Amino acid sequence: MVNFGKKWNVINTKPFLCCQVMLIITGEYELTIDDKNRLLVPSRLREQMPSEVLETGFYLTLGVNRIVSLYPDKYYQRIALAVAPRTAAPDESLVFERINFAMAGRVELDRQGRVLLPEKTIRRAGLKERVTLIGVRDHLELWDRQKWDRYLSDNLEGHEIMLLKIRQEDMERERTRAMLREEEEALRRSKGFNSI
């Protein structure tokens, strides 16, 4: 419930329940936007998504760096229910909401697995005929192919460094868990308990 002055309104919390099961969308797909502004979402990509996601469609947004994002309907609700950054002034929050929601639109896959891209979105994102569609955890991003290749080239080294850090942190966590298990086992033995 949310207090709006003297009235209390019930807010539907079900959109947040949809996200308890994590959706992981991966891959890189070089595609072409056809002359009718349609983009075929590859079957290998569609197979990663539950049928519910494919049936309810996507919200197409123009995001950071003018990259087109396609969020499954229920996952976009998280964004829609989020507030503007807390550090923003009220007028900045209003600008954020106006642009964020004006640039978003619902799209659905047709029977062939294609999505129709609005002309304005194509123009604003600077997309050409040749594009790359990538999976980014819970959404898809559509890049101009040359921009994507440049982005990869500029960021692959940093990605490798991040992977090494993640692997090192994971190995350290596993060592810590192993030491804790050994300590627990030693404590059980010292107290005369049988190990399980």
C-alpha atoms as a PDB file:
ATOM      1  CA  MET A   1       0.000   0.000   0.000  1.00  0.00           C
ATOM      2  CA  VAL A   2       1.142   3.490  -0.764  1.00  0.00           C
ATOM      3  CA  ASN A   3      -0.064   6.658   0.932  1.00  0.00           C
ATOM      4  CA  PHE A   4      -1.274   9.288  -1.553  1.00  0.00           C
ATOM      5  CA  GLY A   5      -2.280  12.101   0.777  1.00  0.00           C
ATOM      6  CA  LYS A   6      -5.274  10.903   2.781  1.00  0.00           C
ATOM      7  CA  LYS A   7      -6.002   7.879   0.568  1.00  0.00           C
ATOM      8  CA  TRP A   8      -4.187   4.563   0.614  1.00  0.00           C
ATOM      9  CA  ASN A   9      -3.861   2.753  -2.691  1.00  0.00           C
ATOM     10  CA  VAL A  10      -2.937  -0.879  -3.135  1.00  0.00           C
ATOM     11  CA  ILE A  11       0.041  -1.372  -5.424  1.00  0.00           C
ATOM     12  CA  ASN A  12       0.207  -4.636  -7.355  1.00  0.00           C
ATOM     13  CA  THR A  13       3.416  -6.373  -6.286  1.00  0.00           C
ATOM     14  CA  LYS A  14       3.054  -9.273  -8.700  1.00  0.00           C
ATOM     15  CA  PRO A  15       5.454  -7.786 -11.279  1.00  0.00           C
ATOM     16  CA  PHE A  16       8.254  -8.345  -8.790  1.00  0.00           C
ATOM     17  CA  LEU A  17       7.279 -11.994  -8.344  1.00  0.00           C
ATOM     18  CA  CYS A  18       7.943 -12.684 -12.020  1.00  0.00           C
ATOM     19  CA  CYS A  19      11.570 -11.884 -11.524  1.00  0.00           C
ATOM     20  CA  GLN A  20      12.266 -14.433  -8.798  1.00  0.00           C
ATOM     21  CA  VAL A  21      13.159 -16.896 -11.558  1.00  0.00           C
ATOM     22  CA  MET A  22      16.187 -15.429 -13.236  1.00  0.00           C
ATOM     23  CA  LEU A  23      16.088 -15.104 -16.998  1.00  0.00           C
ATOM     24  CA  ILE A  24      19.477 -15.457 -18.639  1.00  0.00           C
ATOM     25  CA  ILE A  25      19.713 -14.493 -22.295  1.00  0.00           C
ATOM     26  CA  THR A  26      23.101 -14.901 -23.981  1.00  0.00           C
ATOM     27  CA  GLY A  27      24.771 -14.843 -27.363  1.00  0.00           C
ATOM     28  CA  GLU A  28      25.803 -12.632 -30.243  1.00  0.00           C
ATOM     29  CA  TYR A  29      23.886 -12.746 -33.526  1.00  0.00           C
ATOM     30  CA  GLU A  30      24.742 -10.884 -36.723  1.00  0.00           C
ATOM     31  CA  LEU A  31      21.476 -10.009 -38.438  1.00  0.00           C
ATOM     32  CA  THR A  32      19.908  -7.775 -41.044  1.00  0.00           C
ATOM     33  CA  ILE A  33      16.981  -5.380 -40.701  1.00  0.00           C
ATOM     34  CA  ASP A  34      14.785  -5.992 -43.757  1.00  0.00           C
ATOM     35  CA  ASP A  35      13.276  -3.287 -45.971  1.00  0.00           C
ATOM     36  CA  LYS A  36      10.092  -3.289 -43.820  1.00  0.00           C
ATOM     37  CA  ASN A  37      12.109  -2.645 -40.628  1.00  0.00           C
ATOM     38  CA  ARG A  38      11.638  -6.189 -39.348  1.00  0.00           C
ATOM     39  CA  LEU A  39      14.289  -8.069 -37.424  1.00  0.00           C
ATOM     40  CA  LEU A  40      14.285 -11.848 -37.130  1.00  0.00           C
ATOM     41  CA  VAL A  41      15.042 -12.983 -33.578  1.00  0.00           C
ATOM     42  CA  PRO A  42      17.007 -16.204 -34.152  1.00  0.00           C
ATOM     43  CA  SER A  43      15.438 -19.461 -33.001  1.00  0.00           C
ATOM     44  CA  ARG A  44      18.526 -20.246 -30.880  1.00  0.00           C
ATOM     45  CA  LEU A  45      17.835 -17.039 -28.984  1.00  0.00           C
ATOM     46  CA  ARG A  46      14.081 -17.633 -28.698  1.00  0.00           C
ATOM     47  CA  GLU A  47      14.784 -21.106 -27.285  1.00  0.00           C
ATOM     48  CA  GLN A  48      16.504 -19.476 -24.284  1.00  0.00           C
ATOM     49  CA  MET A  49      13.264 -17.770 -23.263  1.00  0.00           C
ATOM     50  CA  PRO A  50      10.185 -19.328 -21.681  1.00  0.00           C
ATOM     51  CA  SER A  51       7.142 -19.395 -23.985  1.00  0.00           C
ATOM     52  CA  GLU A  52       5.435 -16.919 -21.637  1.00  0.00           C
ATOM     53  CA  VAL A  53       8.102 -14.332 -22.497  1.00  0.00           C
ATOM     54  CA  LEU A  54       7.655 -14.877 -26.215  1.00  0.00           C
ATOM     55  CA  GLU A  55       3.856 -14.716 -25.973  1.00  0.00           C
ATOM     56  CA  THR A  56       3.722 -11.472 -23.967  1.00  0.00           C
ATOM     57  CA  GLY A  57       6.225  -9.616 -26.124  1.00  0.00           C
ATOM     58  CA  PHE A  58       8.894  -7.075 -25.356  1.00  0.00           C
ATOM     59  CA  TYR A  59       9.301  -3.450 -24.473  1.00  0.00           C
ATOM     60  CA  LEU A  60      11.647  -1.739 -26.873  1.00  0.00           C
ATOM     61  CA  THR A  61      13.586   1.130 -25.306  1.00  0.00           C
ATOM     62  CA  LEU A  62      16.353   3.476 -26.331  1.00  0.00           C
ATOM     63  CA  GLY A  63      18.883   3.117 -23.556  1.00  0.00           C
ATOM     64  CA  VAL A  64      22.329   4.275 -22.564  1.00  0.00           C
ATOM     65  CA  ASN A  65      24.516   5.310 -25.517  1.00  0.00           C
ATOM     66  CA  ARG A  66      21.412   5.098 -27.720  1.00  0.00           C
ATOM     67  CA  ILE A  67      21.497   1.324 -27.713  1.00  0.00           C
ATOM     68  CA  VAL A  68      18.133  -0.296 -28.455  1.00  0.00           C
ATOM     69  CA  SER A  69      17.099  -2.689 -25.683  1.00  0.00           C
ATOM     70  CA  LEU A  70      14.326  -5.272 -25.808  1.00  0.00           C
ATOM     71  CA  TYR A  71      13.070  -6.204 -22.345  1.00  0.00           C
ATOM     72  CA  PRO A  72      10.592  -9.039 -21.849  1.00  0.00           C
ATOM     73  CA  ASP A  73       7.274  -7.541 -20.773  1.00  0.00           C
ATOM     74  CA  LYS A  74       7.460  -8.532 -17.094  1.00  0.00           C
ATOM     75  CA  TYR A  75      11.108  -7.593 -16.735  1.00  0.00           C
ATOM     76  CA  TYR A  76      10.404  -4.126 -18.093  1.00  0.00           C
ATOM     77  CA  GLN A  77       7.883  -3.670 -15.287  1.00  0.00           C
ATOM     78  CA  ARG A  78      10.835  -3.552 -12.863  1.00  0.00           C
ATOM     79  CA  ILE A  79      12.161  -0.548 -14.753  1.00  0.00           C
ATOM     80  CA  ALA A  80       8.734   1.061 -14.987  1.00  0.00           C
ATOM     81  CA  LEU A  81       8.181   0.731 -11.240  1.00  0.00           C
ATOM     82  CA  ALA A  82      11.642   2.024 -10.362  1.00  0.00           C
ATOM     83  CA  VAL A  83      12.026   5.658  -9.509  1.00  0.00           C
ATOM     84  CA  ALA A  84      14.422   8.139 -11.059  1.00  0.00           C
ATOM     85  CA  PRO A  85      17.795   8.409  -9.326  1.00  0.00           C
ATOM     86  CA  ARG A  86      17.334   9.683  -5.760  1.00  0.00           C
ATOM     87  CA  THR A  87      19.975  12.327  -6.253  1.00  0.00           C
ATOM     88  CA  ALA A  88      17.982  13.881  -9.096  1.00  0.00           C
ATOM     89  CA  ALA A  89      16.102  17.121  -8.587  1.00  0.00           C
ATOM     90  CA  PRO A  90      12.309  16.921  -9.126  1.00  0.00           C
ATOM     91  CA  ASP A  91      12.534  18.573 -12.549  1.00  0.00           C
ATOM     92  CA  GLU A  92      15.324  16.145 -13.581  1.00  0.00           C
ATOM     93  CA  SER A  93      13.136  13.229 -12.463  1.00  0.00           C
ATOM     94  CA  LEU A  94      10.295  14.554 -14.591  1.00  0.00           C
ATOM     95  CA  VAL A  95      12.560  14.846 -17.636  1.00  0.00           C
ATOM     96  CA  PHE A  96      13.842  11.321 -16.996  1.00  0.00           C
ATOM     97  CA  GLU A  97      10.319   9.869 -16.793  1.00  0.00           C
ATOM     98  CA  ARG A  98       9.075  11.733 -19.848  1.00  0.00           C
ATOM     99  CA  ILE A  99      11.934  10.602 -22.037  1.00  0.00           C
ATOM    100  CA  ASN A 100      12.159   7.099 -20.575  1.00  0.00           C
ATOM    101  CA  PHE A 101       8.493   6.293 -21.176  1.00  0.00           C
ATOM    102  CA  ALA A 102       8.160   8.231 -24.439  1.00  0.00           C
ATOM    103  CA  MET A 103      11.026   6.219 -25.931  1.00  0.00           C
ATOM    104  CA  ALA A 104       9.582   2.874 -24.814  1.00  0.00           C
ATOM    105  CA  GLY A 105       7.067   0.882 -26.793  1.00  0.00           C
ATOM    106  CA  ARG A 106       5.624  -2.600 -26.748  1.00  0.00           C
ATOM    107  CA  VAL A 107       6.513  -4.931 -29.625  1.00  0.00           C
ATOM    108  CA  GLU A 108       5.574  -8.527 -30.326  1.00  0.00           C
ATOM    109  CA  LEU A 109       7.086 -11.323 -32.340  1.00  0.00           C
ATOM    110  CA  ASP A 110       5.176 -12.343 -35.441  1.00  0.00           C
ATOM    111  CA  ARG A 111       4.693 -16.005 -36.407  1.00  0.00           C
ATOM    112  CA  GLN A 112       8.118 -16.106 -38.061  1.00  0.00           C
ATOM    113  CA  GLY A 113       9.821 -14.734 -34.937  1.00  0.00           C
ATOM    114  CA  ARG A 114      10.312 -11.219 -36.314  1.00  0.00           C
ATOM    115  CA  VAL A 115       9.873  -7.945 -34.481  1.00  0.00           C
ATOM    116  CA  LEU A 116       8.888  -4.709 -36.216  1.00  0.00           C
ATOM    117  CA  LEU A 117      11.249  -1.857 -35.311  1.00  0.00           C
ATOM    118  CA  PRO A 118       9.813   1.677 -35.347  1.00  0.00           C
ATOM    119  CA  GLU A 119      11.459   3.969 -37.899  1.00  0.00           C
ATOM    120  CA  LYS A 120      12.101   6.624 -35.221  1.00  0.00           C
ATOM    121  CA  THR A 121      13.947   4.142 -33.044  1.00  0.00           C
ATOM    122  CA  ILE A 122      16.108   2.984 -35.955  1.00  0.00           C
ATOM    123  CA  ARG A 123      16.966   6.596 -36.795  1.00  0.00           C
ATOM    124  CA  ARG A 124      17.628   7.682 -33.185  1.00  0.00           C
ATOM    125  CA  ALA A 125      19.845   4.664 -32.533  1.00  0.00           C
ATOM    126  CA  GLY A 126      21.758   5.183 -35.787  1.00  0.00           C
ATOM    127  CA  LEU A 127      21.040   1.628 -36.915  1.00  0.00           C
ATOM    128  CA  LYS A 128      21.808   0.556 -40.431  1.00  0.00           C
ATOM    129  CA  GLU A 129      20.778  -2.592 -42.266  1.00  0.00           C
ATOM    130  CA  ARG A 130      23.514  -4.755 -40.709  1.00  0.00           C
ATOM    131  CA  VAL A 131      23.101  -5.143 -36.945  1.00  0.00           C
ATOM    132  CA  THR A 132      24.216  -7.323 -34.063  1.00  0.00           C
ATOM    133  CA  LEU A 133      21.698  -8.592 -31.507  1.00  0.00           C
ATOM    134  CA  ILE A 134      23.185  -9.629 -28.172  1.00  0.00           C
ATOM    135  CA  GLY A 135      21.811 -11.281 -25.054  1.00  0.00           C
ATOM    136  CA  VAL A 136      22.542  -9.299 -21.881  1.00  0.00           C
ATOM    137  CA  ARG A 137      21.275 -11.337 -18.941  1.00  0.00           C
ATOM    138  CA  ASP A 138      17.575 -10.346 -18.787  1.00  0.00           C
ATOM    139  CA  HIS A 139      17.243  -8.412 -22.060  1.00  0.00           C
ATOM    140  CA  LEU A 140      18.436  -8.084 -25.636  1.00  0.00           C
ATOM    141  CA  GLU A 141      20.448  -5.222 -27.094  1.00  0.00           C
ATOM    142  CA  LEU A 142      20.475  -4.233 -30.745  1.00  0.00           C
ATOM    143  CA  TRP A 143      23.666  -2.601 -31.998  1.00  0.00           C
ATOM    144  CA  ASP A 144      24.824  -1.233 -35.311  1.00  0.00           C
ATOM    145  CA  ARG A 145      27.320  -3.930 -36.321  1.00  0.00           C
ATOM    146  CA  GLN A 146      30.274  -1.539 -36.729  1.00  0.00           C
ATOM    147  CA  LYS A 147      29.569   0.084 -33.334  1.00  0.00           C
ATOM    148  CA  TRP A 148      29.423  -3.353 -31.688  1.00  0.00           C
ATOM    149  CA  ASP A 149      32.700  -4.449 -33.283  1.00  0.00           C
ATOM    150  CA  ARG A 150      34.357  -1.221 -32.093  1.00  0.00           C
ATOM    151  CA  TYR A 151      32.883  -1.652 -28.607  1.00  0.00           C
ATOM    152  CA  LEU A 152      34.239  -5.199 -28.397  1.00  0.00           C
ATOM    153  CA  SER A 153      37.648  -4.121 -29.619  1.00  0.00           C
ATOM    154  CA  ASP A 154      37.783  -1.286 -27.074  1.00  0.00           C
ATOM    155  CA  ASN A 155      36.592  -3.397 -24.137  1.00  0.00           C
ATOM    156  CA  LEU A 156      37.815  -6.990 -24.577  1.00  0.00           C
ATOM    157  CA  GLU A 157      41.005  -6.452 -22.589  1.00  0.00           C
ATOM    158  CA  GLY A 158      39.072  -4.978 -19.662  1.00  0.00           C
ATOM    159  CA  HIS A 159      36.641  -7.907 -19.881  1.00  0.00           C
ATOM    160  CA  GLU A 160      39.518 -10.380 -19.635  1.00  0.00           C
ATOM    161  CA  ILE A 161      40.874  -8.584 -16.562  1.00  0.00           C
ATOM    162  CA  MET A 162      37.404  -8.674 -14.974  1.00  0.00           C
ATOM    163  CA  LEU A 163      37.082 -12.414 -15.714  1.00  0.00           C
ATOM    164  CA  LEU A 164      40.414 -13.070 -14.015  1.00  0.00           C
ATOM    165  CA  LYS A 165      39.311 -11.070 -10.947  1.00  0.00           C
ATOM    166  CA  ILE A 166      36.004 -12.925 -10.771  1.00  0.00           C
ATOM    167  CA  ARG A 167      37.780 -16.281 -11.065  1.00  0.00           C
ATOM    168  CA  GLN A 168      40.291 -15.307  -8.379  1.00  0.00           C
ATOM    169  CA  GLU A 169      37.515 -14.138  -6.028  1.00  0.00           C
ATOM    170  CA  ASP A 170      35.593 -17.362  -6.645  1.00  0.00           C
ATOM    171  CA  MET A 171      38.689 -19.458  -5.870  1.00  0.00           C
ATOM    172  CA  GLU A 172      39.239 -17.469  -2.655  1.00  0.00           C
ATOM    173  CA  ARG A 173      35.611 -18.009  -1.607  1.00  0.00           C
ATOM    174  CA  GLU A 174      35.950 -21.744  -2.281  1.00  0.00           C
ATOM    175  CA  ARG A 175      39.170 -21.907  -0.223  1.00  0.00           C
ATOM    176  CA  THR A 176      37.409 -20.105   2.647  1.00  0.00           C
ATOM    177  CA  ARG A 177      34.454 -22.525   2.458  1.00  0.00           C
ATOM    178  CA  ALA A 178      36.828 -25.508   2.446  1.00  0.00           C
ATOM    179  CA  MET A 179      38.687 -24.154   5.492  1.00  0.00           C
ATOM    180  CA  LEU A 180      35.386 -23.601   7.330  1.00  0.00           C
ATOM    181  CA  ARG A 181      34.268 -27.155   6.528  1.00  0.00           C
ATOM    182  CA  GLU A 182      37.596 -28.509   7.824  1.00  0.00           C
ATOM    183  CA  GLU A 183      37.287 -26.439  11.015  1.00  0.00           C
ATOM    184  CA  GLU A 184      33.707 -27.644  11.568  1.00  0.00           C
ATOM    185  CA  GLU A 185      34.816 -31.245  11.017  1.00  0.00           C
ATOM    186  CA  ALA A 186      37.707 -30.838  13.461  1.00  0.00           C
ATOM    187  CA  LEU A 187      35.349 -29.290  16.023  1.00  0.00           C
ATOM    188  CA  ARG A 188      32.887 -32.196  15.667  1.00  0.00           C
ATOM    189  CA  ARG A 189      35.676 -34.718  16.124  1.00  0.00           C
ATOM    190  CA  SER A 190      37.044 -32.893  19.148  1.00  0.00           C
ATOM    191  CA  LYS A 191      33.584 -33.002  20.744  1.00  0.00           C
ATOM    192  CA  GLY A 192      33.240 -36.689  19.976  1.00  0.00           C
ATOM    193  CA  PHE A 193      30.629 -36.378  17.229  1.00  0.00           C
ATOM    194  CA  ASN A 194      30.770 -38.655  14.249  1.00  0.00           C
ATOM    195  CA  SER A 195      31.260 -36.911  10.952  1.00  0.00           C
ATOM    196  CA  ILE A 196      28.366 -37.050   8.547  1.00  0.00           C
END
